[in-house]
Amino acid sequence: MNDHAVTLLRILRLLTPIEAQNRIMATPDRVLALALTAMDKQERDLFLNHLSQEKRRRVDEERTLQSRLSIAPRHYYAAAELLLKQLTGSAGEARPDTPAGSGTTTGYLRPISSRRLKEK
């Protein structure tokens, strides 16, 4: 388990079940799927148990889609940061430390292509 997973689980345990459900349900499916990728199944289920069946299905579909893509590590990091902000209630605050065009706030992921890797 990585540092983000430990922090996310610690914050989740501090919330009441209703607060946790409201904050997780308000998180975009793509952000949830990316943020939960580094967790093992048991840890991931702690988050997914707060979701409606429909949202859980969408998050699972998004995880399946993401497993077929080469996603830059910064997207996983940014998604974990967004989920952390969502859980702490600071998601609406400005993000001055985040470079424009990171892609996670809009839900857009730009997969890594072999051509782009060669250009860098």
Protein backbone atom coordinates (compact mmCIF):
# COMPACT_ATOMS: atom_id res chain seq x y z
CA MET A 1 0.00 0.00 0.00
CA ASN A 2 1.35 3.44 -0.89
CA ASP A 3 1.36 6.63 1.20
CA HIS A 4 -1.75 7.99 -0.50
CA ALA A 5 -3.70 4.83 0.27
CA VAL A 6 -2.73 5.03 3.95
CA THR A 7 -3.77 8.69 4.14
CA LEU A 8 -7.04 8.13 2.27
CA LEU A 9 -8.01 5.21 4.51
CA ARG A 10 -7.14 7.17 7.65
CA ILE A 11 -9.32 10.11 6.54
CA LEU A 12 -12.14 7.75 5.55
CA ARG A 13 -12.17 6.24 9.04
CA LEU A 14 -12.50 9.71 10.61
CA LEU A 15 -15.74 10.41 8.73
CA THR A 16 -19.20 9.31 9.73
CA PRO A 17 -20.70 6.77 7.30
CA ILE A 18 -23.05 9.42 5.88
CA GLU A 19 -20.25 11.97 5.39
CA ALA A 20 -18.09 9.33 3.73
CA GLN A 21 -20.88 8.26 1.40
CA ASN A 22 -21.75 11.83 0.42
CA ARG A 23 -18.16 12.79 -0.28
CA ILE A 24 -17.27 9.62 -2.17
CA MET A 25 -20.48 9.71 -4.21
CA ALA A 26 -19.65 13.30 -5.21
CA THR A 27 -16.26 12.23 -6.58
CA PRO A 28 -16.15 11.66 -10.36
CA ASP A 29 -16.00 7.99 -11.42
CA ARG A 30 -12.71 8.41 -13.26
CA VAL A 31 -11.04 10.07 -10.27
CA LEU A 32 -12.21 7.31 -7.95
CA ALA A 33 -11.03 4.59 -10.31
CA LEU A 34 -7.58 6.16 -10.67
CA ALA A 35 -7.17 6.93 -6.98
CA LEU A 36 -8.15 3.41 -5.89
CA THR A 37 -5.83 1.65 -8.34
CA ALA A 38 -2.88 1.45 -5.93
CA MET A 39 -4.98 -0.19 -3.21
CA ASP A 40 -5.49 -3.88 -2.73
CA LYS A 41 -9.01 -5.32 -3.07
CA GLN A 42 -9.85 -5.15 0.64
CA GLU A 43 -8.83 -1.48 0.92
CA ARG A 44 -10.61 -0.58 -2.31
CA ASP A 45 -13.78 -2.25 -1.04
CA LEU A 46 -13.79 0.05 2.01
CA PHE A 47 -14.37 2.91 -0.43
CA LEU A 48 -16.61 1.09 -2.86
CA ASN A 49 -18.95 -0.08 -0.09
CA HIS A 50 -20.03 3.55 0.32
CA LEU A 51 -21.27 3.71 -3.28
CA SER A 52 -24.60 2.93 -4.85
CA GLN A 53 -24.64 -0.15 -7.06
CA GLU A 54 -24.83 2.02 -10.17
CA LYS A 55 -21.85 4.19 -9.25
CA ARG A 56 -19.85 1.14 -8.18
CA ARG A 57 -20.58 -0.45 -11.57
CA ARG A 58 -19.39 2.71 -13.36
CA VAL A 59 -16.20 2.86 -11.29
CA ASP A 60 -15.51 -0.81 -12.04
CA GLU A 61 -16.06 -0.15 -15.76
CA GLU A 62 -13.68 2.80 -15.58
CA ARG A 63 -11.05 0.64 -13.85
CA THR A 64 -11.40 -1.94 -16.63
CA LEU A 65 -10.95 0.77 -19.25
CA GLN A 66 -7.95 2.22 -17.44
CA SER A 67 -6.30 -1.18 -17.22
CA ARG A 68 -6.04 -1.17 -21.02
CA LEU A 69 -4.33 2.24 -21.12
CA SER A 70 -0.83 3.39 -20.32
CA ILE A 71 -1.56 6.17 -17.86
CA ALA A 72 1.13 8.52 -16.61
CA PRO A 73 1.87 8.19 -12.88
CA ARG A 74 1.10 11.89 -12.36
CA HIS A 75 -2.55 11.15 -13.20
CA TYR A 76 -2.75 8.57 -10.41
CA TYR A 77 -1.11 11.01 -8.00
CA ALA A 78 -3.44 13.85 -9.02
CA ALA A 79 -6.51 11.61 -8.66
CA ALA A 80 -5.44 10.54 -5.17
CA GLU A 81 -4.94 14.19 -4.26
CA LEU A 82 -8.41 15.06 -5.59
CA LEU A 83 -10.01 12.22 -3.63
CA LEU A 84 -8.18 13.38 -0.52
CA LYS A 85 -9.52 16.91 -1.01
CA GLN A 86 -12.99 15.52 -1.61
CA LEU A 87 -12.85 13.53 1.63
CA THR A 88 -11.55 16.47 3.66
CA GLY A 89 -14.12 18.84 2.19
CA SER A 90 -11.56 21.08 0.48
CA ALA A 91 -12.28 19.98 -3.10
CA GLY A 92 -13.77 23.35 -4.08
CA GLU A 93 -10.64 25.30 -3.19
CA ALA A 94 -8.31 26.65 -5.86
CA ARG A 95 -5.33 24.51 -6.75
CA PRO A 96 -2.47 26.99 -7.30
CA ASP A 97 0.20 24.29 -7.01
CA THR A 98 -1.27 22.21 -9.84
CA PRO A 99 -0.11 23.01 -13.37
CA ALA A 100 -2.83 23.84 -15.86
CA GLY A 101 -3.80 21.01 -18.14
CA SER A 102 -3.15 18.16 -15.71
CA GLY A 103 -6.31 16.57 -17.06
CA THR A 104 -7.70 15.02 -13.91
CA THR A 105 -10.10 17.79 -12.91
CA THR A 106 -11.90 17.57 -16.21
CA GLY A 107 -11.87 13.78 -16.28
CA TYR A 108 -9.73 13.67 -19.41
CA LEU A 109 -6.86 11.21 -19.52
CA ARG A 110 -4.27 11.39 -22.24
CA PRO A 111 -2.84 7.88 -22.51
CA ILE A 112 0.89 7.54 -23.03
CA SER A 113 1.65 6.60 -26.60
CA SER A 114 4.94 5.14 -27.73
CA ARG A 115 5.30 8.03 -30.19
CA ARG A 116 4.93 10.63 -27.42
CA LEU A 117 7.51 8.80 -25.31
CA LYS A 118 10.02 8.99 -28.16
CA GLU A 119 9.39 12.72 -28.58
CA LYS A 120 10.34 13.47 -24.97
